[in-house]
Amino acid sequence: MSARTPSAAAGPPGRPGSPGRTPAGPGWAQALGTVLAGLVAMGAAAALGLWAAGAADLPDNAFPRVVVATLVTAVGGALEMSGDAGDLAATDAGLTVMPLSVTLTGVLV
């Protein structure tokens, strides 16, 4: 019978600073890049969807604000809308929305 000797690759792992090994630190740069790529993709999906729905023709250059509001709701944020119709027509209303296509785009990226 012959005795097997372990190969050099199966030996104990080297120290973190040894050649051929990468340090096992957190991947903050990759995580930040992934989050930014997701937000950019979500912004593009929101802008294209709102443009196709005709929101580009909103008065007072409101299109960028609507795109940002869509992104805020897509990531789970809340928006509060307010307005004043005078003393005779005081109203209070709420609306909960979640733009799923924009959220799905961010998840897939």
PDB file of N, CA and C in Angstrom:
ATOM      1  N   MET A   1       0.817  -1.177   0.000  1.00  0.00           N
ATOM      2  CA  MET A   1       0.000   0.000   0.000  1.00  0.00           C
ATOM      3  C   MET A   1       0.857   1.235   0.000  1.00  0.00           C
ATOM      4  N   SER A   2       0.369   2.201  -0.676  1.00  0.00           N
ATOM      5  CA  SER A   2       1.124   3.451  -0.722  1.00  0.00           C
ATOM      6  C   SER A   2       0.348   4.521   0.024  1.00  0.00           C
ATOM      7  N   ALA A   3       1.045   5.381   0.696  1.00  0.00           N
ATOM      8  CA  ALA A   3       0.421   6.466   1.447  1.00  0.00           C
ATOM      9  C   ALA A   3       0.264   7.670   0.532  1.00  0.00           C
ATOM     10  N   ARG A   4      -0.877   8.285   0.603  1.00  0.00           N
ATOM     11  CA  ARG A   4      -1.111   9.479  -0.208  1.00  0.00           C
ATOM     12  C   ARG A   4      -0.592  10.698   0.531  1.00  0.00           C
ATOM     13  N   THR A   5      -0.005  11.586  -0.208  1.00  0.00           N
ATOM     14  CA  THR A   5       0.437  12.844   0.377  1.00  0.00           C
ATOM     15  C   THR A   5      -0.450  13.949  -0.176  1.00  0.00           C
ATOM     16  N   PRO A   6      -0.892  14.828   0.662  1.00  0.00           N
ATOM     17  CA  PRO A   6      -1.754  15.900   0.184  1.00  0.00           C
ATOM     18  C   PRO A   6      -0.996  16.840  -0.735  1.00  0.00           C
ATOM     19  N   SER A   7      -1.670  17.331  -1.726  1.00  0.00           N
ATOM     20  CA  SER A   7      -1.033  18.269  -2.653  1.00  0.00           C
ATOM     21  C   SER A   7      -0.870  19.613  -1.970  1.00  0.00           C
ATOM     22  N   ALA A   8      -0.099  20.462  -2.600  1.00  0.00           N
ATOM     23  CA  ALA A   8       0.165  21.785  -2.026  1.00  0.00           C
ATOM     24  C   ALA A   8      -1.108  22.625  -2.010  1.00  0.00           C
ATOM     25  N   ALA A   9      -2.018  22.410  -2.967  1.00  0.00           N
ATOM     26  CA  ALA A   9      -3.241  23.195  -3.023  1.00  0.00           C
ATOM     27  C   ALA A   9      -4.198  22.815  -1.906  1.00  0.00           C
ATOM     28  N   ALA A  10      -4.115  21.586  -1.416  1.00  0.00           N
ATOM     29  CA  ALA A  10      -5.028  21.143  -0.370  1.00  0.00           C
ATOM     30  C   ALA A  10      -4.494  21.445   1.016  1.00  0.00           C
ATOM     31  N   GLY A  11      -3.351  22.094   1.108  1.00  0.00           N
ATOM     32  CA  GLY A  11      -2.761  22.418   2.397  1.00  0.00           C
ATOM     33  C   GLY A  11      -3.534  23.510   3.107  1.00  0.00           C
ATOM     34  N   PRO A  12      -3.021  23.919   4.245  1.00  0.00           N
ATOM     35  CA  PRO A  12      -3.707  24.960   4.999  1.00  0.00           C
ATOM     36  C   PRO A  12      -3.693  26.269   4.220  1.00  0.00           C
ATOM     37  N   PRO A  13      -4.724  27.043   4.358  1.00  0.00           N
ATOM     38  CA  PRO A  13      -4.773  28.309   3.619  1.00  0.00           C
ATOM     39  C   PRO A  13      -3.678  29.244   4.087  1.00  0.00           C
ATOM     40  N   GLY A  14      -3.206  30.030   3.154  1.00  0.00           N
ATOM     41  CA  GLY A  14      -2.149  30.981   3.472  1.00  0.00           C
ATOM     42  C   GLY A  14      -2.673  32.147   4.272  1.00  0.00           C
ATOM     43  N   ARG A  15      -1.753  32.949   4.721  1.00  0.00           N
ATOM     44  CA  ARG A  15      -2.148  34.148   5.448  1.00  0.00           C
ATOM     45  C   ARG A  15      -2.828  35.119   4.489  1.00  0.00           C
ATOM     46  N   PRO A  16      -3.665  36.028   4.996  1.00  0.00           N
ATOM     47  CA  PRO A  16      -4.378  36.952   4.118  1.00  0.00           C
ATOM     48  C   PRO A  16      -3.459  37.790   3.237  1.00  0.00           C
ATOM     49  N   GLY A  17      -2.253  38.059   3.666  1.00  0.00           N
ATOM     50  CA  GLY A  17      -1.345  38.876   2.874  1.00  0.00           C
ATOM     51  C   GLY A  17      -0.445  38.072   1.957  1.00  0.00           C
ATOM     52  N   SER A  18      -0.595  36.763   1.917  1.00  0.00           N
ATOM     53  CA  SER A  18       0.283  35.941   1.105  1.00  0.00           C
ATOM     54  C   SER A  18      -0.074  36.079  -0.374  1.00  0.00           C
ATOM     55  N   PRO A  19       0.907  35.847  -1.255  1.00  0.00           N
ATOM     56  CA  PRO A  19       0.650  35.986  -2.688  1.00  0.00           C
ATOM     57  C   PRO A  19      -0.393  34.965  -3.159  1.00  0.00           C
ATOM     58  N   GLY A  20      -1.218  35.373  -4.111  1.00  0.00           N
ATOM     59  CA  GLY A  20      -2.200  34.476  -4.675  1.00  0.00           C
ATOM     60  C   GLY A  20      -3.530  34.489  -3.948  1.00  0.00           C
ATOM     61  N   ARG A  21      -3.642  35.229  -2.895  1.00  0.00           N
ATOM     62  CA  ARG A  21      -4.910  35.290  -2.146  1.00  0.00           C
ATOM     63  C   ARG A  21      -5.372  36.731  -2.085  1.00  0.00           C
ATOM     64  N   THR A  22      -6.667  36.910  -2.171  1.00  0.00           N
ATOM     65  CA  THR A  22      -7.223  38.253  -2.015  1.00  0.00           C
ATOM     66  C   THR A  22      -7.708  38.406  -0.589  1.00  0.00           C
ATOM     67  N   PRO A  23      -7.594  39.590  -0.048  1.00  0.00           N
ATOM     68  CA  PRO A  23      -8.082  39.772   1.320  1.00  0.00           C
ATOM     69  C   PRO A  23      -9.590  39.597   1.368  1.00  0.00           C
ATOM     70  N   ALA A  24     -10.065  39.057   2.467  1.00  0.00           N
ATOM     71  CA  ALA A  24     -11.486  38.766   2.614  1.00  0.00           C
ATOM     72  C   ALA A  24     -12.217  39.933   3.256  1.00  0.00           C
ATOM     73  N   GLY A  25     -11.966  41.140   2.776  1.00  0.00           N
ATOM     74  CA  GLY A  25     -12.633  42.324   3.308  1.00  0.00           C
ATOM     75  C   GLY A  25     -14.004  42.491   2.689  1.00  0.00           C
ATOM     76  N   PRO A  26     -14.784  43.397   3.237  1.00  0.00           N
ATOM     77  CA  PRO A  26     -16.120  43.616   2.687  1.00  0.00           C
ATOM     78  C   PRO A  26     -16.044  44.221   1.289  1.00  0.00           C
ATOM     79  N   GLY A  27     -16.994  43.895   0.463  1.00  0.00           N
ATOM     80  CA  GLY A  27     -17.023  44.384  -0.906  1.00  0.00           C
ATOM     81  C   GLY A  27     -17.869  45.640  -1.030  1.00  0.00           C
ATOM     82  N   TRP A  28     -17.486  46.694  -0.303  1.00  0.00           N
ATOM     83  CA  TRP A  28     -18.273  47.921  -0.311  1.00  0.00           C
ATOM     84  C   TRP A  28     -18.320  48.564  -1.682  1.00  0.00           C
ATOM     85  N   ALA A  29     -17.226  48.530  -2.404  1.00  0.00           N
ATOM     86  CA  ALA A  29     -17.201  49.157  -3.721  1.00  0.00           C
ATOM     87  C   ALA A  29     -18.155  48.440  -4.685  1.00  0.00           C
ATOM     88  N   GLN A  30     -18.152  47.117  -4.647  1.00  0.00           N
ATOM     89  CA  GLN A  30     -19.052  46.356  -5.510  1.00  0.00           C
ATOM     90  C   GLN A  30     -20.513  46.575  -5.100  1.00  0.00           C
ATOM     91  N   ALA A  31     -20.783  46.634  -3.814  1.00  0.00           N
ATOM     92  CA  ALA A  31     -22.153  46.851  -3.341  1.00  0.00           C
ATOM     93  C   ALA A  31     -22.654  48.231  -3.752  1.00  0.00           C
ATOM     94  N   LEU A  32     -21.826  49.238  -3.609  1.00  0.00           N
ATOM     95  CA  LEU A  32     -22.211  50.587  -4.005  1.00  0.00           C
ATOM     96  C   LEU A  32     -22.439  50.672  -5.510  1.00  0.00           C
ATOM     97  N   GLY A  33     -21.577  50.025  -6.285  1.00  0.00           N
ATOM     98  CA  GLY A  33     -21.751  49.998  -7.732  1.00  0.00           C
ATOM     99  C   GLY A  33     -23.046  49.307  -8.140  1.00  0.00           C
ATOM    100  N   THR A  34     -23.388  48.231  -7.446  1.00  0.00           N
ATOM    101  CA  THR A  34     -24.625  47.510  -7.744  1.00  0.00           C
ATOM    102  C   THR A  34     -25.846  48.357  -7.429  1.00  0.00           C
ATOM    103  N   VAL A  35     -25.826  49.032  -6.287  1.00  0.00           N
ATOM    104  CA  VAL A  35     -26.949  49.891  -5.911  1.00  0.00           C
ATOM    105  C   VAL A  35     -27.109  51.038  -6.900  1.00  0.00           C
ATOM    106  N   LEU A  36     -26.001  51.683  -7.271  1.00  0.00           N
ATOM    107  CA  LEU A  36     -26.079  52.785  -8.230  1.00  0.00           C
ATOM    108  C   LEU A  36     -26.558  52.310  -9.593  1.00  0.00           C
ATOM    109  N   ALA A  37     -26.104  51.140 -10.035  1.00  0.00           N
ATOM    110  CA  ALA A  37     -26.574  50.604 -11.315  1.00  0.00           C
ATOM    111  C   ALA A  37     -28.066  50.313 -11.270  1.00  0.00           C
ATOM    112  N   GLY A  38     -28.541  49.791 -10.149  1.00  0.00           N
ATOM    113  CA  GLY A  38     -29.975  49.536  -9.995  1.00  0.00           C
ATOM    114  C   GLY A  38     -30.786  50.815 -10.033  1.00  0.00           C
ATOM    115  N   LEU A  39     -30.310  51.856  -9.345  1.00  0.00           N
ATOM    116  CA  LEU A  39     -31.032  53.127  -9.343  1.00  0.00           C
ATOM    117  C   LEU A  39     -31.040  53.785 -10.721  1.00  0.00           C
ATOM    118  N   VAL A  40     -29.938  53.692 -11.436  1.00  0.00           N
ATOM    119  CA  VAL A  40     -29.892  54.259 -12.795  1.00  0.00           C
ATOM    120  C   VAL A  40     -30.861  53.517 -13.704  1.00  0.00           C
ATOM    121  N   ALA A  41     -30.883  52.195 -13.617  1.00  0.00           N
ATOM    122  CA  ALA A  41     -31.810  51.407 -14.430  1.00  0.00           C
ATOM    123  C   ALA A  41     -33.256  51.703 -14.062  1.00  0.00           C
ATOM    124  N   MET A  42     -33.525  51.865 -12.766  1.00  0.00           N
ATOM    125  CA  MET A  42     -34.876  52.203 -12.338  1.00  0.00           C
ATOM    126  C   MET A  42     -35.281  53.585 -12.829  1.00  0.00           C
ATOM    127  N   GLY A  43     -34.355  54.527 -12.790  1.00  0.00           N
ATOM    128  CA  GLY A  43     -34.635  55.871 -13.294  1.00  0.00           C
ATOM    129  C   GLY A  43     -34.929  55.859 -14.783  1.00  0.00           C
ATOM    130  N   ALA A  44     -34.170  55.069 -15.526  1.00  0.00           N
ATOM    131  CA  ALA A  44     -34.406  54.974 -16.974  1.00  0.00           C
ATOM    132  C   ALA A  44     -35.760  54.331 -17.257  1.00  0.00           C
ATOM    133  N   ALA A  45     -36.104  53.279 -16.519  1.00  0.00           N
ATOM    134  CA  ALA A  45     -37.402  52.627 -16.718  1.00  0.00           C
ATOM    135  C   ALA A  45     -38.547  53.573 -16.356  1.00  0.00           C
ATOM    136  N   ALA A  46     -38.393  54.328 -15.274  1.00  0.00           N
ATOM    137  CA  ALA A  46     -39.433  55.269 -14.864  1.00  0.00           C
ATOM    138  C   ALA A  46     -39.584  56.388 -15.886  1.00  0.00           C
ATOM    139  N   ALA A  47     -38.462  56.931 -16.358  1.00  0.00           N
ATOM    140  CA  ALA A  47     -38.521  58.027 -17.329  1.00  0.00           C
ATOM    141  C   ALA A  47     -39.146  57.564 -18.638  1.00  0.00           C
ATOM    142  N   LEU A  48     -38.756  56.385 -19.105  1.00  0.00           N
ATOM    143  CA  LEU A  48     -39.330  55.886 -20.361  1.00  0.00           C
ATOM    144  C   LEU A  48     -40.821  55.586 -20.221  1.00  0.00           C
ATOM    145  N   GLY A  49     -41.209  54.991 -19.105  1.00  0.00           N
ATOM    146  CA  GLY A  49     -42.617  54.682 -18.894  1.00  0.00           C
ATOM    147  C   GLY A  49     -43.468  55.933 -18.769  1.00  0.00           C
ATOM    148  N   LEU A  50     -42.973  56.917 -18.032  1.00  0.00           N
ATOM    149  CA  LEU A  50     -43.729  58.154 -17.881  1.00  0.00           C
ATOM    150  C   LEU A  50     -43.765  58.945 -19.186  1.00  0.00           C
ATOM    151  N   TRP A  51     -42.683  58.919 -19.927  1.00  0.00           N
ATOM    152  CA  TRP A  51     -42.662  59.588 -21.232  1.00  0.00           C
ATOM    153  C   TRP A  51     -43.679  58.947 -22.166  1.00  0.00           C
ATOM    154  N   ALA A  52     -43.740  57.609 -22.168  1.00  0.00           N
ATOM    155  CA  ALA A  52     -44.694  56.909 -23.026  1.00  0.00           C
ATOM    156  C   ALA A  52     -46.135  57.196 -22.593  1.00  0.00           C
ATOM    157  N   ALA A  53     -46.345  57.473 -21.310  1.00  0.00           N
ATOM    158  CA  ALA A  53     -47.682  57.779 -20.810  1.00  0.00           C
ATOM    159  C   ALA A  53     -48.062  59.238 -21.024  1.00  0.00           C
ATOM    160  N   GLY A  54     -47.143  60.035 -21.533  1.00  0.00           N
ATOM    161  CA  GLY A  54     -47.443  61.432 -21.837  1.00  0.00           C
ATOM    162  C   GLY A  54     -47.105  62.402 -20.731  1.00  0.00           C
ATOM    163  N   ALA A  55     -46.351  61.987 -19.739  1.00  0.00           N
ATOM    164  CA  ALA A  55     -46.014  62.877 -18.626  1.00  0.00           C
ATOM    165  C   ALA A  55     -44.983  63.928 -19.014  1.00  0.00           C
ATOM    166  N   ALA A  56     -44.370  63.798 -20.161  1.00  0.00           N
ATOM    167  CA  ALA A  56     -43.380  64.790 -20.589  1.00  0.00           C
ATOM    168  C   ALA A  56     -44.035  66.124 -20.911  1.00  0.00           C
ATOM    169  N   ASP A  57     -45.346  66.128 -21.119  1.00  0.00           N
ATOM    170  CA  ASP A  57     -46.057  67.353 -21.455  1.00  0.00           C
ATOM    171  C   ASP A  57     -46.661  68.042 -20.238  1.00  0.00           C
ATOM    172  N   LEU A  58     -46.290  67.652 -19.039  1.00  0.00           N
ATOM    173  CA  LEU A  58     -46.818  68.283 -17.836  1.00  0.00           C
ATOM    174  C   LEU A  58     -46.357  69.730 -17.750  1.00  0.00           C
ATOM    175  N   PRO A  59     -47.184  70.621 -17.209  1.00  0.00           N
ATOM    176  CA  PRO A  59     -46.795  72.029 -17.126  1.00  0.00           C
ATOM    177  C   PRO A  59     -45.717  72.265 -16.072  1.00  0.00           C
ATOM    178  N   ASP A  60     -45.112  73.406 -16.138  1.00  0.00           N
ATOM    179  CA  ASP A  60     -44.083  73.867 -15.185  1.00  0.00           C
ATOM    180  C   ASP A  60     -42.885  72.940 -15.099  1.00  0.00           C
ATOM    181  N   ASN A  61     -42.535  72.278 -16.195  1.00  0.00           N
ATOM    182  CA  ASN A  61     -41.372  71.394 -16.228  1.00  0.00           C
ATOM    183  C   ASN A  61     -41.421  70.373 -15.080  1.00  0.00           C
ATOM    184  N   ALA A  62     -42.545  69.719 -14.910  1.00  0.00           N
ATOM    185  CA  ALA A  62     -42.756  68.794 -13.796  1.00  0.00           C
ATOM    186  C   ALA A  62     -42.247  67.383 -14.076  1.00  0.00           C
ATOM    187  N   PHE A  63     -41.832  67.093 -15.287  1.00  0.00           N
ATOM    188  CA  PHE A  63     -41.415  65.726 -15.625  1.00  0.00           C
ATOM    189  C   PHE A  63     -40.304  65.195 -14.721  1.00  0.00           C
ATOM    190  N   PRO A  64     -39.210  65.938 -14.485  1.00  0.00           N
ATOM    191  CA  PRO A  64     -38.168  65.395 -13.591  1.00  0.00           C
ATOM    192  C   PRO A  64     -38.683  65.117 -12.178  1.00  0.00           C
ATOM    193  N   ARG A  65     -39.569  65.972 -11.677  1.00  0.00           N
ATOM    194  CA  ARG A  65     -40.108  65.757 -10.329  1.00  0.00           C
ATOM    195  C   ARG A  65     -40.987  64.513 -10.281  1.00  0.00           C
ATOM    196  N   VAL A  66     -41.716  64.250 -11.352  1.00  0.00           N
ATOM    197  CA  VAL A  66     -42.564  63.058 -11.402  1.00  0.00           C
ATOM    198  C   VAL A  66     -41.696  61.803 -11.481  1.00  0.00           C
ATOM    199  N   VAL A  67     -40.597  61.863 -12.221  1.00  0.00           N
ATOM    200  CA  VAL A  67     -39.683  60.713 -12.301  1.00  0.00           C
ATOM    201  C   VAL A  67     -39.082  60.426 -10.925  1.00  0.00           C
ATOM    202  N   VAL A  68     -38.657  61.458 -10.226  1.00  0.00           N
ATOM    203  CA  VAL A  68     -38.091  61.270  -8.883  1.00  0.00           C
ATOM    204  C   VAL A  68     -39.149  60.730  -7.927  1.00  0.00           C
ATOM    205  N   ALA A  69     -40.369  61.233  -8.011  1.00  0.00           N
ATOM    206  CA  ALA A  69     -41.447  60.724  -7.160  1.00  0.00           C
ATOM    207  C   ALA A  69     -41.724  59.251  -7.450  1.00  0.00           C
ATOM    208  N   THR A  70     -41.640  58.859  -8.705  1.00  0.00           N
ATOM    209  CA  THR A  70     -41.829  57.451  -9.062  1.00  0.00           C
ATOM    210  C   THR A  70     -40.718  56.593  -8.481  1.00  0.00           C
ATOM    211  N   LEU A  71     -39.473  57.075  -8.535  1.00  0.00           N
ATOM    212  CA  LEU A  71     -38.362  56.331  -7.939  1.00  0.00           C
ATOM    213  C   LEU A  71     -38.520  56.199  -6.429  1.00  0.00           C
ATOM    214  N   VAL A  72     -38.957  57.263  -5.784  1.00  0.00           N
ATOM    215  CA  VAL A  72     -39.136  57.223  -4.329  1.00  0.00           C
ATOM    216  C   VAL A  72     -40.169  56.166  -3.949  1.00  0.00           C
ATOM    217  N   THR A  73     -41.273  56.122  -4.677  1.00  0.00           N
ATOM    218  CA  THR A  73     -42.289  55.118  -4.345  1.00  0.00           C
ATOM    219  C   THR A  73     -41.833  53.717  -4.726  1.00  0.00           C
ATOM    220  N   ALA A  74     -40.995  53.593  -5.746  1.00  0.00           N
ATOM    221  CA  ALA A  74     -40.524  52.273  -6.174  1.00  0.00           C
ATOM    222  C   ALA A  74     -39.597  51.637  -5.146  1.00  0.00           C
ATOM    223  N   VAL A  75     -38.853  52.445  -4.408  1.00  0.00           N
ATOM    224  CA  VAL A  75     -37.948  51.889  -3.401  1.00  0.00           C
ATOM    225  C   VAL A  75     -38.596  51.822  -2.028  1.00  0.00           C
ATOM    226  N   GLY A  76     -39.907  52.126  -1.954  1.00  0.00           N
ATOM    227  CA  GLY A  76     -40.623  51.974  -0.702  1.00  0.00           C
ATOM    228  C   GLY A  76     -40.825  53.253   0.070  1.00  0.00           C
ATOM    229  N   GLY A  77     -40.495  54.378  -0.516  1.00  0.00           N
ATOM    230  CA  GLY A  77     -40.685  55.653   0.165  1.00  0.00           C
ATOM    231  C   GLY A  77     -42.132  56.095   0.129  1.00  0.00           C
ATOM    232  N   ALA A  78     -42.412  57.159   0.832  1.00  0.00           N
ATOM    233  CA  ALA A  78     -43.771  57.689   0.885  1.00  0.00           C
ATOM    234  C   ALA A  78     -43.777  59.125   0.376  1.00  0.00           C
ATOM    235  N   LEU A  79     -44.850  59.483  -0.279  1.00  0.00           N
ATOM    236  CA  LEU A  79     -45.047  60.838  -0.769  1.00  0.00           C
ATOM    237  C   LEU A  79     -46.311  61.401  -0.143  1.00  0.00           C
ATOM    238  N   GLU A  80     -46.293  62.673   0.110  1.00  0.00           N
ATOM    239  CA  GLU A  80     -47.490  63.329   0.620  1.00  0.00           C
ATOM    240  C   GLU A  80     -47.864  64.436  -0.343  1.00  0.00           C
ATOM    241  N   MET A  81     -49.095  64.376  -0.813  1.00  0.00           N
ATOM    242  CA  MET A  81     -49.581  65.396  -1.727  1.00  0.00           C
ATOM    243  C   MET A  81     -50.521  66.311  -0.961  1.00  0.00           C
ATOM    244  N   SER A  82     -50.428  67.580  -1.260  1.00  0.00           N
ATOM    245  CA  SER A  82     -51.325  68.525  -0.603  1.00  0.00           C
ATOM    246  C   SER A  82     -51.772  69.567  -1.613  1.00  0.00           C
ATOM    247  N   GLY A  83     -52.884  70.143  -1.339  1.00  0.00           N
ATOM    248  CA  GLY A  83     -53.411  71.180  -2.200  1.00  0.00           C
ATOM    249  C   GLY A  83     -54.494  71.940  -1.468  1.00  0.00           C
ATOM    250  N   ASP A  84     -54.886  73.036  -2.024  1.00  0.00           N
ATOM    251  CA  ASP A  84     -55.912  73.851  -1.401  1.00  0.00           C
ATOM    252  C   ASP A  84     -56.948  74.204  -2.452  1.00  0.00           C
ATOM    253  N   ALA A  85     -58.179  73.828  -2.170  1.00  0.00           N
ATOM    254  CA  ALA A  85     -59.271  74.129  -3.086  1.00  0.00           C
ATOM    255  C   ALA A  85     -60.177  75.210  -2.522  1.00  0.00           C
ATOM    256  N   GLY A  86     -59.746  75.885  -1.498  1.00  0.00           N
ATOM    257  CA  GLY A  86     -60.563  76.945  -0.911  1.00  0.00           C
ATOM    258  C   GLY A  86     -61.291  76.454   0.334  1.00  0.00           C
ATOM    259  N   ASP A  87     -62.013  77.362   0.950  1.00  0.00           N
ATOM    260  CA  ASP A  87     -62.721  77.038   2.185  1.00  0.00           C
ATOM    261  C   ASP A  87     -63.936  76.153   1.953  1.00  0.00           C
ATOM    262  N   LEU A  88     -64.546  76.257   0.800  1.00  0.00           N
ATOM    263  CA  LEU A  88     -65.761  75.496   0.545  1.00  0.00           C
ATOM    264  C   LEU A  88     -65.492  74.028   0.214  1.00  0.00           C
ATOM    265  N   ALA A  89     -64.345  73.737  -0.332  1.00  0.00           N
ATOM    266  CA  ALA A  89     -64.065  72.375  -0.790  1.00  0.00           C
ATOM    267  C   ALA A  89     -62.858  71.786  -0.069  1.00  0.00           C
ATOM    268  N   ALA A  90     -62.872  71.787   1.240  1.00  0.00           N
ATOM    269  CA  ALA A  90     -61.779  71.201   2.015  1.00  0.00           C
ATOM    270  C   ALA A  90     -61.859  69.679   1.911  1.00  0.00           C
ATOM    271  N   THR A  91     -60.793  69.056   1.398  1.00  0.00           N
ATOM    272  CA  THR A  91     -60.769  67.605   1.244  1.00  0.00           C
ATOM    273  C   THR A  91     -59.481  67.044   1.809  1.00  0.00           C
ATOM    274  N   ASP A  92     -59.535  65.768   2.102  1.00  0.00           N
ATOM    275  CA  ASP A  92     -58.356  65.050   2.566  1.00  0.00           C
ATOM    276  C   ASP A  92     -58.389  63.672   1.923  1.00  0.00           C
ATOM    277  N   ALA A  93     -57.348  63.332   1.194  1.00  0.00           N
ATOM    278  CA  ALA A  93     -57.333  62.052   0.479  1.00  0.00           C
ATOM    279  C   ALA A  93     -55.955  61.424   0.593  1.00  0.00           C
ATOM    280  N   GLY A  94     -55.900  60.119   0.431  1.00  0.00           N
ATOM    281  CA  GLY A  94     -54.640  59.403   0.448  1.00  0.00           C
ATOM    282  C   GLY A  94     -54.552  58.458  -0.733  1.00  0.00           C
ATOM    283  N   LEU A  95     -53.338  58.173  -1.151  1.00  0.00           N
ATOM    284  CA  LEU A  95     -53.121  57.308  -2.302  1.00  0.00           C
ATOM    285  C   LEU A  95     -51.856  56.495  -2.057  1.00  0.00           C
ATOM    286  N   THR A  96     -51.951  55.205  -2.197  1.00  0.00           N
ATOM    287  CA  THR A  96     -50.788  54.334  -2.053  1.00  0.00           C
ATOM    288  C   THR A  96     -50.529  53.659  -3.385  1.00  0.00           C
ATOM    289  N   VAL A  97     -49.313  53.844  -3.901  1.00  0.00           N
ATOM    290  CA  VAL A  97     -48.949  53.254  -5.186  1.00  0.00           C
ATOM    291  C   VAL A  97     -47.588  52.591  -5.073  1.00  0.00           C
ATOM    292  N   MET A  98     -47.364  51.622  -5.929  1.00  0.00           N
ATOM    293  CA  MET A  98     -46.065  50.966  -6.032  1.00  0.00           C
ATOM    294  C   MET A  98     -45.841  50.653  -7.503  1.00  0.00           C
ATOM    295  N   PRO A  99     -44.961  51.398  -8.160  1.00  0.00           N
ATOM    296  CA  PRO A  99     -44.706  51.121  -9.584  1.00  0.00           C
ATOM    297  C   PRO A  99     -43.890  49.830  -9.730  1.00  0.00           C
ATOM    298  N   LEU A 100     -44.570  48.729  -9.958  1.00  0.00           N
ATOM    299  CA  LEU A 100     -43.926  47.424  -9.935  1.00  0.00           C
ATOM    300  C   LEU A 100     -42.931  47.227 -11.069  1.00  0.00           C
ATOM    301  N   SER A 101     -43.178  47.823 -12.228  1.00  0.00           N
ATOM    302  CA  SER A 101     -42.221  47.654 -13.332  1.00  0.00           C
ATOM    303  C   SER A 101     -40.888  48.310 -12.992  1.00  0.00           C
ATOM    304  N   VAL A 102     -40.926  49.456 -12.332  1.00  0.00           N
ATOM    305  CA  VAL A 102     -39.689  50.135 -11.938  1.00  0.00           C
ATOM    306  C   VAL A 102     -38.993  49.350 -10.833  1.00  0.00           C
ATOM    307  N   THR A 103     -39.761  48.842  -9.881  1.00  0.00           N
ATOM    308  CA  THR A 103     -39.178  48.046  -8.798  1.00  0.00           C
ATOM    309  C   THR A 103     -38.561  46.763  -9.342  1.00  0.00           C
ATOM    310  N   LEU A 104     -39.253  46.108 -10.261  1.00  0.00           N
ATOM    311  CA  LEU A 104     -38.741  44.872 -10.863  1.00  0.00           C
ATOM    312  C   LEU A 104     -37.443  45.127 -11.630  1.00  0.00           C
ATOM    313  N   THR A 105     -37.368  46.254 -12.306  1.00  0.00           N
ATOM    314  CA  THR A 105     -36.131  46.608 -13.019  1.00  0.00           C
ATOM    315  C   THR A 105     -34.962  46.708 -12.058  1.00  0.00           C
ATOM    316  N   GLY A 106     -35.167  47.372 -10.939  1.00  0.00           N
ATOM    317  CA  GLY A 106     -34.108  47.493  -9.936  1.00  0.00           C
ATOM    318  C   GLY A 106     -33.714  46.155  -9.345  1.00  0.00           C
ATOM    319  N   VAL A 107     -34.693  45.290  -9.119  1.00  0.00           N
ATOM    320  CA  VAL A 107     -34.403  43.972  -8.553  1.00  0.00           C
ATOM    321  C   VAL A 107     -33.600  43.133  -9.534  1.00  0.00           C
ATOM    322  N   LEU A 108     -33.962  43.196 -10.795  1.00  0.00           N
ATOM    323  CA  LEU A 108     -33.253  42.382 -11.800  1.00  0.00           C
ATOM    324  C   LEU A 108     -31.825  42.855 -12.026  1.00  0.00           C
ATOM    325  N   VAL A 109     -31.593  44.139 -11.889  1.00  0.00           N
ATOM    326  CA  VAL A 109     -30.224  44.640 -12.056  1.00  0.00           C
ATOM    327  C   VAL A 109     -29.407  44.230 -10.861  1.00  0.00           C
TER     328      VAL A 109
END
